[in-house]
């Protein structure tokens, strides 16, 4: 009985110690809306990667990317308005390692997209 209990304890600890980063196949990015408006859509990079309906101070779900940087092309739509962050290049930038990241986004009074990169 003691062996069974010990086996169960060790198995539980082993399974419980796995990290969400252990079996990743890509870079996982979510959006945090740090503005006071609802983001109808947020496109990060390619056309297929769309985060939708993110309210003020809310997070989107994670989307998995093959590769990404700490900043990138971002297109936000709010009603009929569009806001774009367009990087000029990625010189001296390193691709992100597989993991979980947040792009905290807001829109300035001038209409510029502001990005704060967070490692989750």
PDB file of N, CA and C in Angstrom:
ATOM      1  N   UNK A   1       0.827  -1.194   0.000  1.00  0.00           N
ATOM      2  CA  UNK A   1       0.000   0.000   0.000  1.00  0.00           C
ATOM      3  C   UNK A   1       0.871   1.258   0.000  1.00  0.00           C
ATOM      4  N   UNK A   2       1.971   1.231   0.773  1.00  0.00           N
ATOM      5  CA  UNK A   2       2.862   2.386   0.811  1.00  0.00           C
ATOM      6  C   UNK A   2       3.505   2.616  -0.552  1.00  0.00           C
ATOM      7  N   UNK A   3       3.856   1.524  -1.232  1.00  0.00           N
ATOM      8  CA  UNK A   3       4.470   1.658  -2.559  1.00  0.00           C
ATOM      9  C   UNK A   3       3.492   2.283  -3.551  1.00  0.00           C
ATOM     10  N   UNK A   4       2.245   1.868  -3.470  1.00  0.00           N
ATOM     11  CA  UNK A   4       1.226   2.417  -4.364  1.00  0.00           C
ATOM     12  C   UNK A   4       1.027   3.908  -4.095  1.00  0.00           C
ATOM     13  N   UNK A   5       0.980   4.275  -2.831  1.00  0.00           N
ATOM     14  CA  UNK A   5       0.818   5.687  -2.475  1.00  0.00           C
ATOM     15  C   UNK A   5       2.031   6.495  -2.931  1.00  0.00           C
ATOM     16  N   UNK A   6       3.235   5.959  -2.756  1.00  0.00           N
ATOM     17  CA  UNK A   6       4.454   6.636  -3.192  1.00  0.00           C
ATOM     18  C   UNK A   6       4.473   6.779  -4.715  1.00  0.00           C
ATOM     19  N   UNK A   7       4.104   5.724  -5.423  1.00  0.00           N
ATOM     20  CA  UNK A   7       4.041   5.767  -6.884  1.00  0.00           C
ATOM     21  C   UNK A   7       3.048   6.837  -7.346  1.00  0.00           C
ATOM     22  N   UNK A   8       1.886   6.877  -6.714  1.00  0.00           N
ATOM     23  CA  UNK A   8       0.871   7.867  -7.063  1.00  0.00           C
ATOM     24  C   UNK A   8       1.386   9.282  -6.809  1.00  0.00           C
ATOM     25  N   UNK A   9       2.061   9.502  -5.692  1.00  0.00           N
ATOM     26  CA  UNK A   9       2.602  10.814  -5.355  1.00  0.00           C
ATOM     27  C   UNK A   9       3.659  11.250  -6.362  1.00  0.00           C
ATOM     28  N   UNK A  10       4.572  10.363  -6.697  1.00  0.00           N
ATOM     29  CA  UNK A  10       5.628  10.689  -7.660  1.00  0.00           C
ATOM     30  C   UNK A  10       5.036  10.972  -9.034  1.00  0.00           C
ATOM     31  N   UNK A  11       4.081  10.154  -9.454  1.00  0.00           N
ATOM     32  CA  UNK A  11       3.433  10.359 -10.752  1.00  0.00           C
ATOM     33  C   UNK A  11       2.709  11.696 -10.793  1.00  0.00           C
ATOM     34  N   UNK A  12       2.003  12.031  -9.733  1.00  0.00           N
ATOM     35  CA  UNK A  12       1.282  13.299  -9.664  1.00  0.00           C
ATOM     36  C   UNK A  12       2.243  14.478  -9.727  1.00  0.00           C
ATOM     37  N   UNK A  13       3.340  14.405  -8.994  1.00  0.00           N
ATOM     38  CA  UNK A  13       4.327  15.478  -9.018  1.00  0.00           C
ATOM     39  C   UNK A  13       4.961  15.619 -10.396  1.00  0.00           C
ATOM     40  N   UNK A  14       5.278  14.510 -11.030  1.00  0.00           N
ATOM     41  CA  UNK A  14       5.898  14.539 -12.350  1.00  0.00           C
ATOM     42  C   UNK A  14       4.967  15.175 -13.380  1.00  0.00           C
ATOM     43  N   UNK A  15       3.711  14.785 -13.380  1.00  0.00           N
ATOM     44  CA  UNK A  15       2.744  15.333 -14.331  1.00  0.00           C
ATOM     45  C   UNK A  15       2.453  16.794 -13.998  1.00  0.00           C
ATOM     46  N   UNK A  16       2.345  17.115 -12.736  1.00  0.00           N
ATOM     47  CA  UNK A  16       2.039  18.470 -12.311  1.00  0.00           C
ATOM     48  C   UNK A  16       3.156  19.456 -12.555  1.00  0.00           C
ATOM     49  N   UNK A  17       4.368  18.988 -12.764  1.00  0.00           N
ATOM     50  CA  UNK A  17       5.504  19.876 -12.967  1.00  0.00           C
ATOM     51  C   UNK A  17       5.712  20.263 -14.423  1.00  0.00           C
ATOM     52  N   UNK A  18       4.899  19.757 -15.324  1.00  0.00           N
ATOM     53  CA  UNK A  18       5.076  20.151 -16.719  1.00  0.00           C
ATOM     54  C   UNK A  18       4.644  21.603 -16.881  1.00  0.00           C
ATOM     55  N   UNK A  19       5.320  22.313 -17.740  1.00  0.00           N
ATOM     56  CA  UNK A  19       5.103  23.726 -17.966  1.00  0.00           C
ATOM     57  C   UNK A  19       4.355  23.911 -19.276  1.00  0.00           C
ATOM     58  N   UNK A  20       3.562  24.962 -19.381  1.00  0.00           N
ATOM     59  CA  UNK A  20       2.829  25.189 -20.624  1.00  0.00           C
ATOM     60  C   UNK A  20       3.761  25.476 -21.788  1.00  0.00           C
ATOM     61  N   UNK A  21       5.021  25.820 -21.504  1.00  0.00           N
ATOM     62  CA  UNK A  21       6.001  26.091 -22.552  1.00  0.00           C
ATOM     63  C   UNK A  21       6.717  24.840 -23.033  1.00  0.00           C
ATOM     64  N   UNK A  22       6.428  23.679 -22.452  1.00  0.00           N
ATOM     65  CA  UNK A  22       7.189  22.468 -22.760  1.00  0.00           C
ATOM     66  C   UNK A  22       6.976  21.943 -24.172  1.00  0.00           C
ATOM     67  N   UNK A  23       5.777  21.987 -24.692  1.00  0.00           N
ATOM     68  CA  UNK A  23       5.466  21.363 -25.982  1.00  0.00           C
ATOM     69  C   UNK A  23       4.924  22.378 -26.983  1.00  0.00           C
ATOM     70  N   UNK A  24       5.658  23.444 -27.200  1.00  0.00           N
ATOM     71  CA  UNK A  24       5.191  24.479 -28.112  1.00  0.00           C
ATOM     72  C   UNK A  24       5.713  24.254 -29.522  1.00  0.00           C
ATOM     73  N   UNK A  25       4.887  24.616 -30.486  1.00  0.00           N
ATOM     74  CA  UNK A  25       5.275  24.522 -31.888  1.00  0.00           C
ATOM     75  C   UNK A  25       5.363  25.894 -32.533  1.00  0.00           C
ATOM     76  N   UNK A  26       5.308  26.950 -31.741  1.00  0.00           N
ATOM     77  CA  UNK A  26       5.360  28.286 -32.315  1.00  0.00           C
ATOM     78  C   UNK A  26       5.378  29.358 -31.252  1.00  0.00           C
ATOM     79  N   UNK A  27       5.282  30.587 -31.726  1.00  0.00           N
ATOM     80  CA  UNK A  27       5.241  31.766 -30.869  1.00  0.00           C
ATOM     81  C   UNK A  27       3.772  32.108 -30.646  1.00  0.00           C
ATOM     82  N   UNK A  28       3.346  32.167 -29.401  1.00  0.00           N
ATOM     83  CA  UNK A  28       1.948  32.438 -29.056  1.00  0.00           C
ATOM     84  C   UNK A  28       1.810  33.891 -28.615  1.00  0.00           C
ATOM     85  N   UNK A  29       0.984  34.629 -29.353  1.00  0.00           N
ATOM     86  CA  UNK A  29       0.804  36.051 -29.067  1.00  0.00           C
ATOM     87  C   UNK A  29      -0.670  36.325 -28.812  1.00  0.00           C
ATOM     88  N   UNK A  30      -0.916  37.130 -27.776  1.00  0.00           N
ATOM     89  CA  UNK A  30      -2.265  37.620 -27.516  1.00  0.00           C
ATOM     90  C   UNK A  30      -2.204  39.145 -27.488  1.00  0.00           C
ATOM     91  N   UNK A  31      -3.362  39.763 -27.525  1.00  0.00           N
ATOM     92  CA  UNK A  31      -3.476  41.218 -27.521  1.00  0.00           C
ATOM     93  C   UNK A  31      -4.128  41.659 -26.222  1.00  0.00           C
ATOM     94  N   UNK A  32      -3.558  42.705 -25.610  1.00  0.00           N
ATOM     95  CA  UNK A  32      -4.236  43.386 -24.506  1.00  0.00           C
ATOM     96  C   UNK A  32      -4.624  44.765 -25.017  1.00  0.00           C
ATOM     97  N   UNK A  33      -5.877  45.108 -24.865  1.00  0.00           N
ATOM     98  CA  UNK A  33      -6.379  46.408 -25.289  1.00  0.00           C
ATOM     99  C   UNK A  33      -6.205  47.385 -24.137  1.00  0.00           C
ATOM    100  N   UNK A  34      -5.254  48.296 -24.271  1.00  0.00           N
ATOM    101  CA  UNK A  34      -5.012  49.295 -23.232  1.00  0.00           C
ATOM    102  C   UNK A  34      -5.655  50.639 -23.573  1.00  0.00           C
ATOM    103  N   UNK A  35      -6.557  50.636 -24.536  1.00  0.00           N
ATOM    104  CA  UNK A  35      -7.251  51.869 -24.909  1.00  0.00           C
ATOM    105  C   UNK A  35      -8.624  51.897 -24.235  1.00  0.00           C
ATOM    106  N   UNK A  36      -9.393  52.928 -24.553  1.00  0.00           N
ATOM    107  CA  UNK A  36     -10.744  53.018 -23.988  1.00  0.00           C
ATOM    108  C   UNK A  36     -11.824  52.741 -25.031  1.00  0.00           C
ATOM    109  N   UNK A  37     -11.438  52.123 -26.160  1.00  0.00           N
ATOM    110  CA  UNK A  37     -12.387  51.748 -27.212  1.00  0.00           C
ATOM    111  C   UNK A  37     -12.294  50.251 -27.470  1.00  0.00           C
ATOM    112  N   UNK A  38     -13.323  49.690 -28.081  1.00  0.00           N
ATOM    113  CA  UNK A  38     -13.316  48.266 -28.432  1.00  0.00           C
ATOM    114  C   UNK A  38     -12.561  48.088 -29.740  1.00  0.00           C
ATOM    115  N   UNK A  39     -11.593  47.185 -29.745  1.00  0.00           N
ATOM    116  CA  UNK A  39     -10.904  46.817 -30.981  1.00  0.00           C
ATOM    117  C   UNK A  39     -11.768  45.768 -31.680  1.00  0.00           C
ATOM    118  N   UNK A  40     -12.336  46.127 -32.835  1.00  0.00           N
ATOM    119  CA  UNK A  40     -13.139  45.159 -33.587  1.00  0.00           C
ATOM    120  C   UNK A  40     -12.248  44.042 -34.117  1.00  0.00           C
ATOM    121  N   UNK A  41     -11.137  44.417 -34.749  1.00  0.00           N
ATOM    122  CA  UNK A  41     -10.154  43.432 -35.215  1.00  0.00           C
ATOM    123  C   UNK A  41      -8.755  43.977 -34.996  1.00  0.00           C
ATOM    124  N   UNK A  42      -7.844  43.059 -34.727  1.00  0.00           N
ATOM    125  CA  UNK A  42      -6.422  43.388 -34.660  1.00  0.00           C
ATOM    126  C   UNK A  42      -5.693  42.340 -35.480  1.00  0.00           C
ATOM    127  N   UNK A  43      -5.083  42.799 -36.563  1.00  0.00           N
ATOM    128  CA  UNK A  43      -4.290  41.908 -37.417  1.00  0.00           C
ATOM    129  C   UNK A  43      -2.832  42.084 -37.033  1.00  0.00           C
ATOM    130  N   UNK A  44      -2.180  40.971 -36.721  1.00  0.00           N
ATOM    131  CA  UNK A  44      -0.751  40.981 -36.416  1.00  0.00           C
ATOM    132  C   UNK A  44      -0.061  40.170 -37.498  1.00  0.00           C
ATOM    133  N   UNK A  45       0.748  40.835 -38.310  1.00  0.00           N
ATOM    134  CA  UNK A  45       1.445  40.122 -39.379  1.00  0.00           C
ATOM    135  C   UNK A  45       0.514  39.768 -40.516  1.00  0.00           C
ATOM    136  N   UNK A  46       0.405  38.487 -40.816  1.00  0.00           N
ATOM    137  CA  UNK A  46      -0.314  38.022 -42.009  1.00  0.00           C
ATOM    138  C   UNK A  46      -1.826  38.192 -41.892  1.00  0.00           C
ATOM    139  N   UNK A  47      -2.480  38.105 -43.047  1.00  0.00           N
ATOM    140  CA  UNK A  47      -3.929  38.299 -43.120  1.00  0.00           C
ATOM    141  C   UNK A  47      -4.722  37.288 -42.299  1.00  0.00           C
ATOM    142  N   UNK A  48      -4.174  36.086 -42.091  1.00  0.00           N
ATOM    143  CA  UNK A  48      -4.926  35.051 -41.374  1.00  0.00           C
ATOM    144  C   UNK A  48      -4.937  35.258 -39.864  1.00  0.00           C
ATOM    145  N   UNK A  49      -4.029  36.045 -39.350  1.00  0.00           N
ATOM    146  CA  UNK A  49      -3.870  36.167 -37.902  1.00  0.00           C
ATOM    147  C   UNK A  49      -4.661  37.371 -37.382  1.00  0.00           C
ATOM    148  N   UNK A  50      -5.934  37.134 -37.095  1.00  0.00           N
ATOM    149  CA  UNK A  50      -6.849  38.197 -36.677  1.00  0.00           C
ATOM    150  C   UNK A  50      -7.371  37.904 -35.270  1.00  0.00           C
ATOM    151  N   UNK A  51      -7.164  38.856 -34.375  1.00  0.00           N
ATOM    152  CA  UNK A  51      -7.750  38.818 -33.033  1.00  0.00           C
ATOM    153  C   UNK A  51      -9.002  39.694 -33.107  1.00  0.00           C
ATOM    154  N   UNK A  52     -10.117  39.242 -32.519  1.00  0.00           N
ATOM    155  CA  UNK A  52     -11.384  39.954 -32.697  1.00  0.00           C
ATOM    156  C   UNK A  52     -12.035  40.353 -31.377  1.00  0.00           C
ATOM    157  N   UNK A  53     -12.765  41.483 -31.444  1.00  0.00           N
ATOM    158  CA  UNK A  53     -13.633  41.967 -30.363  1.00  0.00           C
ATOM    159  C   UNK A  53     -12.939  41.988 -29.005  1.00  0.00           C
ATOM    160  N   UNK A  54     -11.992  42.884 -28.861  1.00  0.00           N
ATOM    161  CA  UNK A  54     -11.241  43.004 -27.615  1.00  0.00           C
ATOM    162  C   UNK A  54     -11.646  44.313 -26.947  1.00  0.00           C
ATOM    163  N   UNK A  55     -12.334  44.198 -25.831  1.00  0.00           N
ATOM    164  CA  UNK A  55     -12.793  45.378 -25.107  1.00  0.00           C
ATOM    165  C   UNK A  55     -11.668  46.061 -24.355  1.00  0.00           C
ATOM    166  N   UNK A  56     -11.923  47.284 -23.868  1.00  0.00           N
ATOM    167  CA  UNK A  56     -10.917  47.999 -23.084  1.00  0.00           C
ATOM    168  C   UNK A  56     -10.456  47.174 -21.878  1.00  0.00           C
ATOM    169  N   UNK A  57      -9.149  47.129 -21.670  1.00  0.00           N
ATOM    170  CA  UNK A  57      -8.515  46.382 -20.571  1.00  0.00           C
ATOM    171  C   UNK A  57      -8.782  44.884 -20.631  1.00  0.00           C
ATOM    172  N   UNK A  58      -9.129  44.364 -21.802  1.00  0.00           N
ATOM    173  CA  UNK A  58      -9.330  42.924 -21.970  1.00  0.00           C
ATOM    174  C   UNK A  58      -8.216  42.326 -22.818  1.00  0.00           C
ATOM    175  N   UNK A  59      -8.123  40.995 -22.745  1.00  0.00           N
ATOM    176  CA  UNK A  59      -7.137  40.238 -23.511  1.00  0.00           C
ATOM    177  C   UNK A  59      -7.847  39.393 -24.563  1.00  0.00           C
ATOM    178  N   UNK A  60      -7.183  39.212 -25.697  1.00  0.00           N
ATOM    179  CA  UNK A  60      -7.656  38.238 -26.681  1.00  0.00           C
ATOM    180  C   UNK A  60      -7.126  36.874 -26.269  1.00  0.00           C
ATOM    181  N   UNK A  61      -7.547  35.853 -26.981  1.00  0.00           N
ATOM    182  CA  UNK A  61      -6.917  34.551 -26.819  1.00  0.00           C
ATOM    183  C   UNK A  61      -5.569  34.553 -27.531  1.00  0.00           C
ATOM    184  N   UNK A  62      -4.764  33.537 -27.259  1.00  0.00           N
ATOM    185  CA  UNK A  62      -3.475  33.413 -27.942  1.00  0.00           C
ATOM    186  C   UNK A  62      -3.687  32.858 -29.345  1.00  0.00           C
ATOM    187  N   UNK A  63      -2.927  33.374 -30.309  1.00  0.00           N
ATOM    188  CA  UNK A  63      -2.820  32.790 -31.637  1.00  0.00           C
ATOM    189  C   UNK A  63      -1.376  32.356 -31.827  1.00  0.00           C
ATOM    190  N   UNK A  64      -1.194  31.220 -32.498  1.00  0.00           N
ATOM    191  CA  UNK A  64       0.150  30.669 -32.678  1.00  0.00           C
ATOM    192  C   UNK A  64       0.736  31.112 -34.014  1.00  0.00           C
ATOM    193  N   UNK A  65       1.936  31.668 -33.958  1.00  0.00           N
ATOM    194  CA  UNK A  65       2.660  32.151 -35.129  1.00  0.00           C
ATOM    195  C   UNK A  65       3.892  31.281 -35.339  1.00  0.00           C
ATOM    196  N   UNK A  66       4.266  31.092 -36.601  1.00  0.00           N
ATOM    197  CA  UNK A  66       5.492  30.343 -36.890  1.00  0.00           C
ATOM    198  C   UNK A  66       6.709  31.106 -36.405  1.00  0.00           C
ATOM    199  N   UNK A  67       6.694  32.423 -36.582  1.00  0.00           N
ATOM    200  CA  UNK A  67       7.778  33.275 -36.101  1.00  0.00           C
ATOM    201  C   UNK A  67       7.213  34.664 -35.847  1.00  0.00           C
ATOM    202  N   UNK A  68       7.892  35.413 -34.990  1.00  0.00           N
ATOM    203  CA  UNK A  68       7.461  36.776 -34.670  1.00  0.00           C
ATOM    204  C   UNK A  68       8.620  37.511 -34.009  1.00  0.00           C
ATOM    205  N   UNK A  69       8.442  38.814 -33.900  1.00  0.00           N
ATOM    206  CA  UNK A  69       9.416  39.686 -33.253  1.00  0.00           C
ATOM    207  C   UNK A  69       8.727  40.421 -32.109  1.00  0.00           C
ATOM    208  N   UNK A  70       9.498  41.181 -31.351  1.00  0.00           N
ATOM    209  CA  UNK A  70       8.920  41.919 -30.228  1.00  0.00           C
ATOM    210  C   UNK A  70       8.041  43.075 -30.700  1.00  0.00           C
ATOM    211  N   UNK A  71       8.054  43.340 -31.988  1.00  0.00           N
ATOM    212  CA  UNK A  71       7.124  44.274 -32.603  1.00  0.00           C
ATOM    213  C   UNK A  71       6.871  43.797 -34.026  1.00  0.00           C
ATOM    214  N   UNK A  72       5.829  44.303 -34.646  1.00  0.00           N
ATOM    215  CA  UNK A  72       5.530  43.869 -36.002  1.00  0.00           C
ATOM    216  C   UNK A  72       4.419  44.700 -36.601  1.00  0.00           C
ATOM    217  N   UNK A  73       4.008  44.324 -37.803  1.00  0.00           N
ATOM    218  CA  UNK A  73       2.906  45.001 -38.477  1.00  0.00           C
ATOM    219  C   UNK A  73       1.623  44.739 -37.698  1.00  0.00           C
ATOM    220  N   UNK A  74       0.922  45.821 -37.369  1.00  0.00           N
ATOM    221  CA  UNK A  74      -0.338  45.710 -36.631  1.00  0.00           C
ATOM    222  C   UNK A  74      -1.365  46.618 -37.289  1.00  0.00           C
ATOM    223  N   UNK A  75      -2.536  46.061 -37.562  1.00  0.00           N
ATOM    224  CA  UNK A  75      -3.639  46.826 -38.148  1.00  0.00           C
ATOM    225  C   UNK A  75      -4.851  46.659 -37.237  1.00  0.00           C
ATOM    226  N   UNK A  76      -5.301  47.761 -36.664  1.00  0.00           N
ATOM    227  CA  UNK A  76      -6.441  47.757 -35.743  1.00  0.00           C
ATOM    228  C   UNK A  76      -7.623  48.434 -36.426  1.00  0.00           C
ATOM    229  N   UNK A  77      -8.802  47.815 -36.335  1.00  0.00           N
ATOM    230  CA  UNK A  77     -10.020  48.487 -36.786  1.00  0.00           C
ATOM    231  C   UNK A  77     -10.925  48.730 -35.585  1.00  0.00           C
ATOM    232  N   UNK A  78     -11.429  49.954 -35.539  1.00  0.00           N
ATOM    233  CA  UNK A  78     -12.374  50.386 -34.513  1.00  0.00           C
ATOM    234  C   UNK A  78     -13.517  51.050 -35.266  1.00  0.00           C
ATOM    235  N   UNK A  79     -14.619  50.339 -35.413  1.00  0.00           N
ATOM    236  CA  UNK A  79     -15.716  50.865 -36.226  1.00  0.00           C
ATOM    237  C   UNK A  79     -15.241  51.081 -37.651  1.00  0.00           C
ATOM    238  N   UNK A  80     -15.365  52.298 -38.149  1.00  0.00           N
ATOM    239  CA  UNK A  80     -14.932  52.642 -39.510  1.00  0.00           C
ATOM    240  C   UNK A  80     -13.479  53.116 -39.559  1.00  0.00           C
ATOM    241  N   UNK A  81     -12.846  53.281 -38.406  1.00  0.00           N
ATOM    242  CA  UNK A  81     -11.476  53.798 -38.339  1.00  0.00           C
ATOM    243  C   UNK A  81     -10.457  52.667 -38.403  1.00  0.00           C
ATOM    244  N   UNK A  82      -9.309  52.957 -39.017  1.00  0.00           N
ATOM    245  CA  UNK A  82      -8.194  52.007 -39.085  1.00  0.00           C
ATOM    246  C   UNK A  82      -6.938  52.668 -38.540  1.00  0.00           C
ATOM    247  N   UNK A  83      -6.166  51.894 -37.803  1.00  0.00           N
ATOM    248  CA  UNK A  83      -4.906  52.362 -37.229  1.00  0.00           C
ATOM    249  C   UNK A  83      -3.840  51.322 -37.544  1.00  0.00           C
ATOM    250  N   UNK A  84      -2.654  51.792 -37.973  1.00  0.00           N
ATOM    251  CA  UNK A  84      -1.613  50.866 -38.419  1.00  0.00           C
ATOM    252  C   UNK A  84      -0.284  51.202 -37.761  1.00  0.00           C
ATOM    253  N   UNK A  85       0.407  50.154 -37.322  1.00  0.00           N
ATOM    254  CA  UNK A  85       1.810  50.248 -36.916  1.00  0.00           C
ATOM    255  C   UNK A  85       2.596  49.491 -37.976  1.00  0.00           C
ATOM    256  N   UNK A  86       3.445  50.201 -38.714  1.00  0.00           N
ATOM    257  CA  UNK A  86       4.193  49.607 -39.821  1.00  0.00           C
ATOM    258  C   UNK A  86       5.687  49.725 -39.539  1.00  0.00           C
ATOM    259  N   UNK A  87       6.335  48.625 -39.114  1.00  0.00           N
ATOM    260  CA  UNK A  87       7.786  48.672 -38.918  1.00  0.00           C
ATOM    261  C   UNK A  87       8.490  48.910 -40.255  1.00  0.00           C
ATOM    262  N   UNK A  88       9.604  49.606 -40.203  1.00  0.00           N
ATOM    263  CA  UNK A  88      10.357  49.847 -41.432  1.00  0.00           C
ATOM    264  C   UNK A  88      11.284  48.688 -41.748  1.00  0.00           C
ATOM    265  N   UNK A  89      11.835  48.058 -40.723  1.00  0.00           N
ATOM    266  CA  UNK A  89      12.698  46.889 -40.936  1.00  0.00           C
ATOM    267  C   UNK A  89      12.888  46.155 -39.611  1.00  0.00           C
ATOM    268  N   UNK A  90      13.555  45.017 -39.688  1.00  0.00           N
ATOM    269  CA  UNK A  90      13.840  44.212 -38.496  1.00  0.00           C
ATOM    270  C   UNK A  90      15.344  44.049 -38.309  1.00  0.00           C
ATOM    271  N   UNK A  91      16.119  45.041 -38.752  1.00  0.00           N
ATOM    272  CA  UNK A  91      17.574  44.988 -38.625  1.00  0.00           C
ATOM    273  C   UNK A  91      17.935  44.893 -37.148  1.00  0.00           C
ATOM    274  N   UNK A  92      18.855  44.003 -36.837  1.00  0.00           N
ATOM    275  CA  UNK A  92      19.337  43.774 -35.465  1.00  0.00           C
ATOM    276  C   UNK A  92      18.278  43.185 -34.540  1.00  0.00           C
ATOM    277  N   UNK A  93      17.160  42.776 -35.073  1.00  0.00           N
ATOM    278  CA  UNK A  93      16.130  42.130 -34.261  1.00  0.00           C
ATOM    279  C   UNK A  93      16.294  40.619 -34.322  1.00  0.00           C
ATOM    280  N   UNK A  94      16.009  39.967 -33.227  1.00  0.00           N
ATOM    281  CA  UNK A  94      16.061  38.516 -33.142  1.00  0.00           C
ATOM    282  C   UNK A  94      14.634  37.985 -33.062  1.00  0.00           C
ATOM    283  N   UNK A  95      14.364  36.903 -33.793  1.00  0.00           N
ATOM    284  CA  UNK A  95      13.040  36.294 -33.701  1.00  0.00           C
ATOM    285  C   UNK A  95      12.800  35.805 -32.278  1.00  0.00           C
ATOM    286  N   UNK A  96      11.548  35.870 -31.863  1.00  0.00           N
ATOM    287  CA  UNK A  96      11.178  35.406 -30.528  1.00  0.00           C
ATOM    288  C   UNK A  96      11.304  33.895 -30.438  1.00  0.00           C
ATOM    289  N   UNK A  97      11.711  33.432 -29.272  1.00  0.00           N
ATOM    290  CA  UNK A  97      11.717  31.994 -29.004  1.00  0.00           C
ATOM    291  C   UNK A  97      10.276  31.535 -28.825  1.00  0.00           C
ATOM    292  N   UNK A  98      10.041  30.231 -29.026  1.00  0.00           N
ATOM    293  CA  UNK A  98       8.711  29.690 -28.777  1.00  0.00           C
ATOM    294  C   UNK A  98       8.324  30.013 -27.335  1.00  0.00           C
ATOM    295  N   UNK A  99       7.125  30.516 -27.154  1.00  0.00           N
ATOM    296  CA  UNK A  99       6.666  30.891 -25.821  1.00  0.00           C
ATOM    297  C   UNK A  99       5.377  31.685 -25.914  1.00  0.00           C
ATOM    298  N   UNK A 100       5.040  32.368 -24.824  1.00  0.00           N
ATOM    299  CA  UNK A 100       3.809  33.139 -24.727  1.00  0.00           C
ATOM    300  C   UNK A 100       4.150  34.610 -24.516  1.00  0.00           C
ATOM    301  N   UNK A 101       3.515  35.467 -25.319  1.00  0.00           N
ATOM    302  CA  UNK A 101       3.813  36.895 -25.304  1.00  0.00           C
ATOM    303  C   UNK A 101       2.521  37.688 -25.444  1.00  0.00           C
ATOM    304  N   UNK A 102       2.573  38.948 -24.984  1.00  0.00           N
ATOM    305  CA  UNK A 102       1.438  39.852 -25.119  1.00  0.00           C
ATOM    306  C   UNK A 102       1.888  41.132 -25.801  1.00  0.00           C
ATOM    307  N   UNK A 103       1.110  41.561 -26.796  1.00  0.00           N
ATOM    308  CA  UNK A 103       1.256  42.889 -27.374  1.00  0.00           C
ATOM    309  C   UNK A 103       0.190  43.748 -26.701  1.00  0.00           C
ATOM    310  N   UNK A 104       0.611  44.619 -25.782  1.00  0.00           N
ATOM    311  CA  UNK A 104      -0.312  45.544 -25.132  1.00  0.00           C
ATOM    312  C   UNK A 104      -0.420  46.774 -26.036  1.00  0.00           C
ATOM    313  N   UNK A 105      -1.618  47.015 -26.558  1.00  0.00           N
ATOM    314  CA  UNK A 105      -1.806  48.046 -27.577  1.00  0.00           C
ATOM    315  C   UNK A 105      -2.717  49.162 -27.096  1.00  0.00           C
ATOM    316  N   UNK A 106      -2.366  50.371 -27.504  1.00  0.00           N
ATOM    317  CA  UNK A 106      -3.236  51.518 -27.298  1.00  0.00           C
ATOM    318  C   UNK A 106      -3.112  52.426 -28.517  1.00  0.00           C
ATOM    319  N   UNK A 107      -3.972  53.411 -28.577  1.00  0.00           N
ATOM    320  CA  UNK A 107      -3.978  54.358 -29.691  1.00  0.00           C
ATOM    321  C   UNK A 107      -3.821  55.755 -29.106  1.00  0.00           C
ATOM    322  N   UNK A 108      -2.811  56.484 -29.581  1.00  0.00           N
ATOM    323  CA  UNK A 108      -2.557  57.829 -29.071  1.00  0.00           C
ATOM    324  C   UNK A 108      -3.623  58.798 -29.582  1.00  0.00           C
ATOM    325  N   UNK A 109      -3.653  59.994 -29.006  1.00  0.00           N
ATOM    326  CA  UNK A 109      -4.595  61.018 -29.456  1.00  0.00           C
ATOM    327  C   UNK A 109      -4.362  61.384 -30.916  1.00  0.00           C
ATOM    328  N   UNK A 110      -3.119  61.217 -31.380  1.00  0.00           N
ATOM    329  CA  UNK A 110      -2.779  61.514 -32.775  1.00  0.00           C
ATOM    330  C   UNK A 110      -3.149  60.370 -33.714  1.00  0.00           C
ATOM    331  N   UNK A 111      -3.595  59.241 -33.174  1.00  0.00           N
ATOM    332  CA  UNK A 111      -3.980  58.102 -33.999  1.00  0.00           C
ATOM    333  C   UNK A 111      -2.865  57.113 -34.262  1.00  0.00           C
ATOM    334  N   UNK A 112      -1.782  57.203 -33.497  1.00  0.00           N
ATOM    335  CA  UNK A 112      -0.677  56.252 -33.641  1.00  0.00           C
ATOM    336  C   UNK A 112      -0.904  55.032 -32.763  1.00  0.00           C
ATOM    337  N   UNK A 113      -0.530  53.867 -33.275  1.00  0.00           N
ATOM    338  CA  UNK A 113      -0.614  52.632 -32.499  1.00  0.00           C
ATOM    339  C   UNK A 113       0.614  52.561 -31.599  1.00  0.00           C
ATOM    340  N   UNK A 114       0.375  52.381 -30.307  1.00  0.00           N
ATOM    341  CA  UNK A 114       1.456  52.260 -29.329  1.00  0.00           C
ATOM    342  C   UNK A 114       1.510  50.816 -28.859  1.00  0.00           C
ATOM    343  N   UNK A 115       2.703  50.241 -28.864  1.00  0.00           N
ATOM    344  CA  UNK A 115       2.882  48.830 -28.521  1.00  0.00           C
ATOM    345  C   UNK A 115       3.812  48.696 -27.331  1.00  0.00           C
ATOM    346  N   UNK A 116       3.376  47.931 -26.341  1.00  0.00           N
ATOM    347  CA  UNK A 116       4.213  47.560 -25.203  1.00  0.00           C
ATOM    348  C   UNK A 116       4.321  46.040 -25.232  1.00  0.00           C
ATOM    349  N   UNK A 117       5.531  45.526 -25.423  1.00  0.00           N
ATOM    350  CA  UNK A 117       5.769  44.088 -25.550  1.00  0.00           C
ATOM    351  C   UNK A 117       5.974  43.482 -24.166  1.00  0.00           C
ATOM    352  N   UNK A 118       5.270  42.370 -23.887  1.00  0.00           N
ATOM    353  CA  UNK A 118       5.337  41.716 -22.579  1.00  0.00           C
ATOM    354  C   UNK A 118       5.605  40.227 -22.776  1.00  0.00           C
ATOM    355  N   UNK A 119       6.577  39.701 -22.023  1.00  0.00           N
ATOM    356  CA  UNK A 119       6.829  38.260 -21.993  1.00  0.00           C
ATOM    357  C   UNK A 119       5.945  37.681 -20.902  1.00  0.00           C
ATOM    358  N   UNK A 120       5.083  36.724 -21.263  1.00  0.00           N
ATOM    359  CA  UNK A 120       4.162  36.121 -20.284  1.00  0.00           C
ATOM    360  C   UNK A 120       4.826  34.979 -19.536  1.00  0.00           C
TER     361      UNK A 120
END
